[in-house]
N, C-alpha and C. Protein backbone atom coordinates (compact mmCIF):
# COMPACT_ATOMS: atom_id res chain seq x y z
N MET A 1 -22.95 17.62 35.90
CA MET A 1 -24.32 17.73 35.48
C MET A 1 -24.41 18.47 34.14
N VAL A 2 -23.66 19.56 34.03
CA VAL A 2 -23.69 20.34 32.79
C VAL A 2 -23.10 19.52 31.64
N LEU A 3 -22.03 18.78 31.93
CA LEU A 3 -21.42 17.95 30.89
C LEU A 3 -22.39 16.88 30.40
N ARG A 4 -23.14 16.30 31.32
CA ARG A 4 -24.12 15.27 30.95
C ARG A 4 -25.19 15.88 30.06
N ALA A 5 -25.64 17.08 30.38
CA ALA A 5 -26.67 17.75 29.57
C ALA A 5 -26.14 18.05 28.17
N LEU A 6 -24.88 18.48 28.09
CA LEU A 6 -24.28 18.75 26.78
C LEU A 6 -24.14 17.47 25.96
N HIS A 7 -23.80 16.38 26.66
CA HIS A 7 -23.66 15.11 25.97
C HIS A 7 -25.00 14.65 25.39
N VAL A 8 -26.07 14.78 26.18
CA VAL A 8 -27.42 14.39 25.72
C VAL A 8 -27.84 15.28 24.56
N TYR A 9 -27.55 16.58 24.65
CA TYR A 9 -27.89 17.51 23.57
C TYR A 9 -27.15 17.13 22.30
N ALA A 10 -25.88 16.79 22.43
CA ALA A 10 -25.09 16.40 21.26
C ALA A 10 -25.65 15.13 20.63
N LEU A 11 -26.05 14.18 21.44
CA LEU A 11 -26.63 12.95 20.91
C LEU A 11 -27.94 13.23 20.17
N ARG A 12 -28.78 14.10 20.75
CA ARG A 12 -30.06 14.40 20.11
C ARG A 12 -29.87 15.15 18.81
N THR A 13 -28.95 16.10 18.77
CA THR A 13 -28.73 16.83 17.52
C THR A 13 -28.10 15.93 16.46
N ALA A 14 -27.24 15.04 16.88
CA ALA A 14 -26.66 14.09 15.92
C ALA A 14 -27.74 13.18 15.37
N HIS A 15 -28.66 12.78 16.24
CA HIS A 15 -29.77 11.93 15.82
C HIS A 15 -30.67 12.68 14.84
N ALA A 16 -30.89 13.97 15.10
CA ALA A 16 -31.73 14.77 14.21
C ALA A 16 -31.04 14.96 12.86
N ARG A 17 -29.72 15.18 12.87
CA ARG A 17 -28.99 15.34 11.61
C ARG A 17 -28.95 14.05 10.81
N ALA A 18 -29.02 12.94 11.50
CA ALA A 18 -28.94 11.64 10.82
C ALA A 18 -30.20 11.33 10.02
N GLY A 19 -31.24 12.06 10.18
CA GLY A 19 -32.44 11.83 9.41
C GLY A 19 -33.63 11.48 10.28
N CYS A 20 -33.39 11.22 11.54
CA CYS A 20 -34.45 10.96 12.52
C CYS A 20 -35.43 9.90 12.04
N GLY A 21 -34.91 8.80 11.53
CA GLY A 21 -35.77 7.68 11.20
C GLY A 21 -36.10 7.54 9.72
N LYS A 22 -35.67 8.45 8.87
CA LYS A 22 -36.01 8.36 7.45
C LYS A 22 -35.27 7.19 6.80
N ASN A 23 -34.00 7.31 6.67
CA ASN A 23 -33.18 6.25 6.09
C ASN A 23 -32.21 5.75 7.14
N ARG A 24 -32.68 4.90 7.99
CA ARG A 24 -31.85 4.42 9.09
C ARG A 24 -30.81 3.43 8.58
N VAL A 25 -29.66 3.43 9.24
CA VAL A 25 -28.59 2.50 8.91
C VAL A 25 -28.86 1.19 9.64
N THR A 26 -28.85 0.12 8.90
CA THR A 26 -29.08 -1.21 9.49
C THR A 26 -27.73 -1.85 9.81
N PRO A 27 -27.72 -2.90 10.59
CA PRO A 27 -26.46 -3.61 10.86
C PRO A 27 -25.80 -4.16 9.59
N ASP A 28 -26.61 -4.53 8.59
CA ASP A 28 -26.03 -4.98 7.32
C ASP A 28 -25.29 -3.84 6.63
N ASP A 29 -25.87 -2.63 6.70
CA ASP A 29 -25.19 -1.46 6.14
C ASP A 29 -23.88 -1.19 6.89
N LEU A 30 -23.92 -1.37 8.20
CA LEU A 30 -22.71 -1.18 9.02
C LEU A 30 -21.61 -2.13 8.55
N LYS A 31 -21.97 -3.38 8.31
CA LYS A 31 -21.00 -4.37 7.85
C LYS A 31 -20.47 -4.02 6.46
N LYS A 32 -21.37 -3.59 5.55
CA LYS A 32 -20.95 -3.22 4.20
C LYS A 32 -19.97 -2.04 4.23
N VAL A 33 -20.29 -1.05 5.07
CA VAL A 33 -19.42 0.12 5.19
C VAL A 33 -18.05 -0.29 5.75
N GLY A 34 -18.07 -1.13 6.79
CA GLY A 34 -16.82 -1.57 7.39
C GLY A 34 -15.94 -2.33 6.41
N ILE A 35 -16.55 -3.21 5.62
CA ILE A 35 -15.77 -3.98 4.64
C ILE A 35 -15.28 -3.08 3.53
N LYS A 36 -16.11 -2.12 3.11
CA LYS A 36 -15.69 -1.20 2.04
C LYS A 36 -14.52 -0.33 2.48
N LEU A 37 -14.56 0.13 3.73
CA LEU A 37 -13.51 1.03 4.21
C LEU A 37 -12.24 0.29 4.61
N TYR A 38 -12.38 -0.85 5.27
CA TYR A 38 -11.21 -1.48 5.91
C TYR A 38 -10.91 -2.89 5.41
N GLY A 39 -11.70 -3.45 4.50
CA GLY A 39 -11.45 -4.78 4.00
C GLY A 39 -12.14 -5.85 4.85
N ARG A 40 -12.11 -7.09 4.36
CA ARG A 40 -12.85 -8.17 5.02
C ARG A 40 -12.23 -8.59 6.34
N LYS A 41 -10.91 -8.49 6.45
CA LYS A 41 -10.24 -8.94 7.68
C LYS A 41 -10.16 -7.80 8.68
N ALA A 42 -10.59 -8.04 9.87
CA ALA A 42 -10.43 -7.13 11.02
C ALA A 42 -11.07 -5.76 10.80
N TRP A 43 -12.18 -5.70 10.06
CA TRP A 43 -12.81 -4.40 9.84
C TRP A 43 -13.42 -3.86 11.13
N LYS A 44 -13.85 -4.75 12.03
CA LYS A 44 -14.44 -4.28 13.28
C LYS A 44 -13.42 -3.56 14.15
N SER A 45 -12.21 -4.10 14.23
CA SER A 45 -11.19 -3.46 15.06
C SER A 45 -10.75 -2.13 14.46
N HIS A 46 -10.63 -2.07 13.13
CA HIS A 46 -10.25 -0.80 12.50
C HIS A 46 -11.35 0.25 12.66
N MET A 47 -12.61 -0.18 12.52
CA MET A 47 -13.71 0.77 12.68
C MET A 47 -13.80 1.23 14.13
N ALA A 48 -13.58 0.32 15.07
CA ALA A 48 -13.62 0.70 16.48
C ALA A 48 -12.53 1.72 16.79
N ARG A 49 -11.35 1.55 16.20
CA ARG A 49 -10.26 2.51 16.41
C ARG A 49 -10.62 3.86 15.80
N ALA A 50 -11.26 3.85 14.62
CA ALA A 50 -11.64 5.11 13.96
C ALA A 50 -12.74 5.84 14.74
N LEU A 51 -13.65 5.09 15.36
CA LEU A 51 -14.74 5.71 16.12
C LEU A 51 -14.40 5.92 17.59
N ASN A 52 -13.21 5.46 18.00
CA ASN A 52 -12.72 5.61 19.37
C ASN A 52 -13.64 4.90 20.38
N VAL A 53 -14.02 3.66 20.03
CA VAL A 53 -14.83 2.83 20.93
C VAL A 53 -14.18 1.45 21.01
N ASP A 54 -14.72 0.60 21.87
CA ASP A 54 -14.22 -0.76 22.01
C ASP A 54 -14.78 -1.64 20.88
N VAL A 55 -14.07 -2.71 20.57
CA VAL A 55 -14.52 -3.62 19.52
C VAL A 55 -15.85 -4.27 19.88
N SER A 56 -16.06 -4.52 21.17
CA SER A 56 -17.32 -5.14 21.59
C SER A 56 -18.51 -4.23 21.31
N THR A 57 -18.29 -2.92 21.30
CA THR A 57 -19.36 -1.97 20.99
C THR A 57 -19.78 -2.14 19.52
N ILE A 58 -18.81 -2.26 18.64
CA ILE A 58 -19.11 -2.47 17.22
C ILE A 58 -19.84 -3.80 17.05
N HIS A 59 -19.41 -4.81 17.78
CA HIS A 59 -20.05 -6.12 17.70
C HIS A 59 -21.51 -6.04 18.18
N ARG A 60 -21.74 -5.32 19.28
CA ARG A 60 -23.09 -5.16 19.81
C ARG A 60 -23.99 -4.39 18.83
N ILE A 61 -23.44 -3.32 18.24
CA ILE A 61 -24.22 -2.53 17.29
C ILE A 61 -24.60 -3.39 16.09
N GLY A 62 -23.71 -4.30 15.72
CA GLY A 62 -23.99 -5.19 14.59
C GLY A 62 -25.13 -6.14 14.83
N HIS A 63 -25.50 -6.37 16.09
CA HIS A 63 -26.58 -7.29 16.41
C HIS A 63 -27.87 -6.58 16.81
N ARG A 64 -27.91 -5.27 16.72
CA ARG A 64 -29.14 -4.52 17.00
C ARG A 64 -30.02 -4.48 15.76
N THR A 65 -31.21 -3.94 15.93
CA THR A 65 -32.10 -3.80 14.76
C THR A 65 -31.74 -2.57 13.94
N ILE A 66 -31.33 -1.48 14.61
CA ILE A 66 -30.88 -0.27 13.91
C ILE A 66 -29.61 0.22 14.58
N VAL A 67 -28.85 1.01 13.84
CA VAL A 67 -27.62 1.60 14.37
C VAL A 67 -27.98 2.92 15.06
N PRO A 68 -27.48 3.19 16.27
CA PRO A 68 -27.80 4.44 16.96
C PRO A 68 -27.35 5.67 16.16
N GLY A 69 -28.03 6.78 16.39
CA GLY A 69 -27.81 8.01 15.64
C GLY A 69 -26.38 8.51 15.59
N PRO A 70 -25.66 8.62 16.73
CA PRO A 70 -24.29 9.13 16.66
C PRO A 70 -23.38 8.25 15.82
N TYR A 71 -23.57 6.95 15.89
CA TYR A 71 -22.75 6.06 15.08
C TYR A 71 -23.12 6.17 13.60
N GLU A 72 -24.40 6.43 13.36
CA GLU A 72 -24.86 6.64 12.00
C GLU A 72 -24.19 7.87 11.38
N VAL A 73 -24.13 8.94 12.16
CA VAL A 73 -23.48 10.17 11.68
C VAL A 73 -21.98 9.92 11.47
N ALA A 74 -21.37 9.19 12.39
CA ALA A 74 -19.94 8.91 12.26
C ALA A 74 -19.65 8.06 11.03
N LEU A 75 -20.50 7.08 10.75
CA LEU A 75 -20.32 6.26 9.56
C LEU A 75 -20.47 7.08 8.29
N THR A 76 -21.44 7.98 8.30
CA THR A 76 -21.61 8.87 7.14
C THR A 76 -20.37 9.73 6.94
N GLY A 77 -19.81 10.23 8.04
CA GLY A 77 -18.58 11.03 7.94
C GLY A 77 -17.40 10.22 7.44
N LEU A 78 -17.28 8.97 7.90
CA LEU A 78 -16.19 8.11 7.43
C LEU A 78 -16.30 7.83 5.94
N LEU A 79 -17.54 7.56 5.47
CA LEU A 79 -17.74 7.32 4.04
C LEU A 79 -17.44 8.56 3.21
N GLU A 80 -17.88 9.71 3.69
CA GLU A 80 -17.61 10.96 2.97
C GLU A 80 -16.11 11.24 2.89
N HIS A 81 -15.42 10.98 3.99
CA HIS A 81 -13.96 11.16 4.00
C HIS A 81 -13.30 10.23 2.99
N LYS A 82 -13.76 9.00 2.91
CA LYS A 82 -13.20 8.02 1.97
C LYS A 82 -13.45 8.46 0.53
N ARG A 83 -14.66 8.96 0.24
CA ARG A 83 -14.98 9.43 -1.12
C ARG A 83 -14.07 10.59 -1.52
N ARG A 84 -13.91 11.54 -0.62
CA ARG A 84 -13.06 12.70 -0.94
C ARG A 84 -11.60 12.31 -1.10
N GLN A 85 -11.14 11.37 -0.27
CA GLN A 85 -9.77 10.90 -0.39
C GLN A 85 -9.55 10.20 -1.73
N ASP A 86 -10.54 9.43 -2.19
CA ASP A 86 -10.44 8.77 -3.49
C ASP A 86 -10.40 9.79 -4.62
N GLU A 87 -11.21 10.86 -4.51
CA GLU A 87 -11.18 11.92 -5.52
C GLU A 87 -9.81 12.59 -5.57
N ILE A 88 -9.23 12.85 -4.42
CA ILE A 88 -7.89 13.47 -4.37
C ILE A 88 -6.86 12.54 -4.99
N ASP A 89 -6.97 11.24 -4.70
CA ASP A 89 -6.02 10.28 -5.28
C ASP A 89 -6.14 10.22 -6.80
N ARG A 90 -7.38 10.23 -7.32
CA ARG A 90 -7.58 10.21 -8.77
C ARG A 90 -6.99 11.47 -9.42
N ALA A 91 -7.22 12.62 -8.81
CA ALA A 91 -6.69 13.87 -9.35
C ALA A 91 -5.16 13.88 -9.31
N ALA A 92 -4.59 13.32 -8.26
CA ALA A 92 -3.13 13.27 -8.15
C ALA A 92 -2.53 12.35 -9.21
N ARG A 93 -3.23 11.23 -9.48
CA ARG A 93 -2.72 10.31 -10.51
C ARG A 93 -2.72 10.95 -11.89
N LYS A 94 -3.70 11.84 -12.14
CA LYS A 94 -3.74 12.53 -13.43
C LYS A 94 -2.56 13.49 -13.58
N LEU A 95 -2.08 14.03 -12.47
CA LEU A 95 -0.97 14.98 -12.52
C LEU A 95 0.39 14.30 -12.68
N LEU A 96 0.47 13.04 -12.35
CA LEU A 96 1.74 12.32 -12.46
C LEU A 96 2.11 12.12 -13.92
N PRO A 97 3.42 12.13 -14.24
CA PRO A 97 3.81 11.88 -15.63
C PRO A 97 3.49 10.44 -16.01
N ARG A 98 3.15 10.27 -17.27
CA ARG A 98 2.81 8.93 -17.74
C ARG A 98 4.08 8.13 -17.97
N GLY A 99 3.99 6.88 -17.73
CA GLY A 99 5.13 6.00 -17.95
C GLY A 99 5.30 5.72 -19.43
N TYR A 100 6.52 5.62 -19.85
CA TYR A 100 6.80 5.33 -21.25
C TYR A 100 6.75 3.84 -21.48
N LYS A 101 6.38 3.47 -22.72
CA LYS A 101 6.34 2.05 -23.03
C LYS A 101 7.75 1.51 -23.15
N LYS A 102 7.91 0.31 -22.71
CA LYS A 102 9.22 -0.32 -22.78
C LYS A 102 9.48 -0.74 -24.22
N ARG A 103 10.66 -0.38 -24.72
CA ARG A 103 11.00 -0.75 -26.09
C ARG A 103 11.21 -2.25 -26.18
N HIS A 104 10.82 -2.78 -27.33
CA HIS A 104 10.99 -4.21 -27.55
C HIS A 104 12.45 -4.47 -27.91
N VAL A 105 13.08 -5.33 -27.18
CA VAL A 105 14.48 -5.68 -27.41
C VAL A 105 14.48 -7.08 -28.02
N ALA A 106 15.24 -7.20 -29.12
CA ALA A 106 15.31 -8.50 -29.80
C ALA A 106 15.98 -9.51 -28.88
N PRO A 107 15.50 -10.75 -28.89
CA PRO A 107 16.10 -11.75 -28.02
C PRO A 107 17.53 -12.07 -28.46
N ARG A 108 18.35 -12.41 -27.51
CA ARG A 108 19.74 -12.75 -27.81
C ARG A 108 19.81 -14.08 -28.54
N LYS A 109 20.84 -14.20 -29.38
CA LYS A 109 21.07 -15.47 -30.06
C LYS A 109 21.77 -16.39 -29.08
N PRO A 110 21.36 -17.63 -29.03
CA PRO A 110 22.02 -18.54 -28.09
C PRO A 110 23.45 -18.82 -28.51
N LYS A 111 24.31 -18.97 -27.53
CA LYS A 111 25.71 -19.28 -27.81
C LYS A 111 25.80 -20.72 -28.29
N PRO A 112 26.74 -21.00 -29.20
CA PRO A 112 26.89 -22.38 -29.64
C PRO A 112 27.40 -23.24 -28.49
N LYS A 113 26.84 -24.44 -28.40
CA LYS A 113 27.23 -25.32 -27.32
C LYS A 113 28.52 -26.04 -27.65
N LYS A 114 29.31 -26.27 -26.63
CA LYS A 114 30.55 -27.02 -26.81
C LYS A 114 30.20 -28.50 -26.86
N LEU A 115 30.85 -29.19 -27.78
CA LEU A 115 30.62 -30.62 -27.89
C LEU A 115 31.50 -31.36 -26.90
N VAL A 116 30.88 -32.24 -26.15
CA VAL A 116 31.60 -33.03 -25.17
C VAL A 116 31.60 -34.48 -25.67
N PRO A 117 32.77 -35.11 -25.79
CA PRO A 117 32.78 -36.49 -26.30
C PRO A 117 32.15 -37.44 -25.29
N TYR A 118 31.45 -38.43 -25.80
CA TYR A 118 30.84 -39.42 -24.95
C TYR A 118 31.88 -40.43 -24.51
N ALA A 119 31.62 -41.11 -23.40
CA ALA A 119 32.54 -42.13 -22.90
C ALA A 119 32.60 -43.28 -23.89
N GLY A 120 33.79 -43.73 -24.20
CA GLY A 120 33.98 -44.85 -25.12
C GLY A 120 34.18 -44.41 -26.56
N GLN A 121 34.04 -43.15 -26.88
CA GLN A 121 34.27 -42.67 -28.23
C GLN A 121 35.61 -41.94 -28.27
N GLU A 122 36.17 -41.97 -29.42
CA GLU A 122 37.42 -41.23 -29.59
C GLU A 122 37.09 -39.75 -29.72
N SER A 123 37.90 -38.92 -29.12
CA SER A 123 37.66 -37.48 -29.24
C SER A 123 38.16 -37.01 -30.59
N GLN A 124 37.43 -36.06 -31.18
CA GLN A 124 37.80 -35.53 -32.49
C GLN A 124 38.15 -34.07 -32.35
N ASN A 125 39.02 -33.65 -33.22
CA ASN A 125 39.36 -32.25 -33.29
C ASN A 125 38.18 -31.52 -33.92
N PRO A 126 37.58 -30.50 -33.27
CA PRO A 126 36.38 -29.87 -33.82
C PRO A 126 36.64 -29.10 -35.11
N ILE A 127 37.89 -28.69 -35.34
CA ILE A 127 38.18 -27.88 -36.53
C ILE A 127 38.38 -28.80 -37.74
N THR A 128 39.21 -29.77 -37.58
CA THR A 128 39.53 -30.62 -38.72
C THR A 128 38.62 -31.83 -38.83
N GLY A 129 38.06 -32.26 -37.74
CA GLY A 129 37.18 -33.42 -37.73
C GLY A 129 37.96 -34.73 -37.66
N GLU A 130 39.27 -34.63 -37.47
CA GLU A 130 40.08 -35.84 -37.39
C GLU A 130 40.13 -36.34 -35.95
N SER A 131 40.34 -37.64 -35.81
CA SER A 131 40.46 -38.18 -34.46
C SER A 131 41.88 -38.01 -33.98
N GLU A 132 41.99 -37.83 -32.72
CA GLU A 132 43.32 -37.57 -32.13
C GLU A 132 43.97 -38.83 -31.67
């Protein structure tokens, strides 16, 4: 009984923190967030794993008129985590040494081709030009 009351309290406070109806997350926003975070393929399964719910729950939420408050808060947290991770990645790339430009190497000269006599012709000595 106490656990149920705590669960209801947590849902209500999450709903209040989410804005309580000001800027509600729509199912289209849910889809945009999922594709932005996990890509076009299998974003529902990746989001379900991140939120620790079943894939059918994500599918059901996608067909509602609004996204429930706890999921709204979780999506906001996932987006914030992604933004901060991107900032860390950008800062880390600035710290890495820059790559040097590859020097231009002159192309090799092609080797002279060996002359092969055609069938029916007399072979010639390549140095003197005389026929053998």
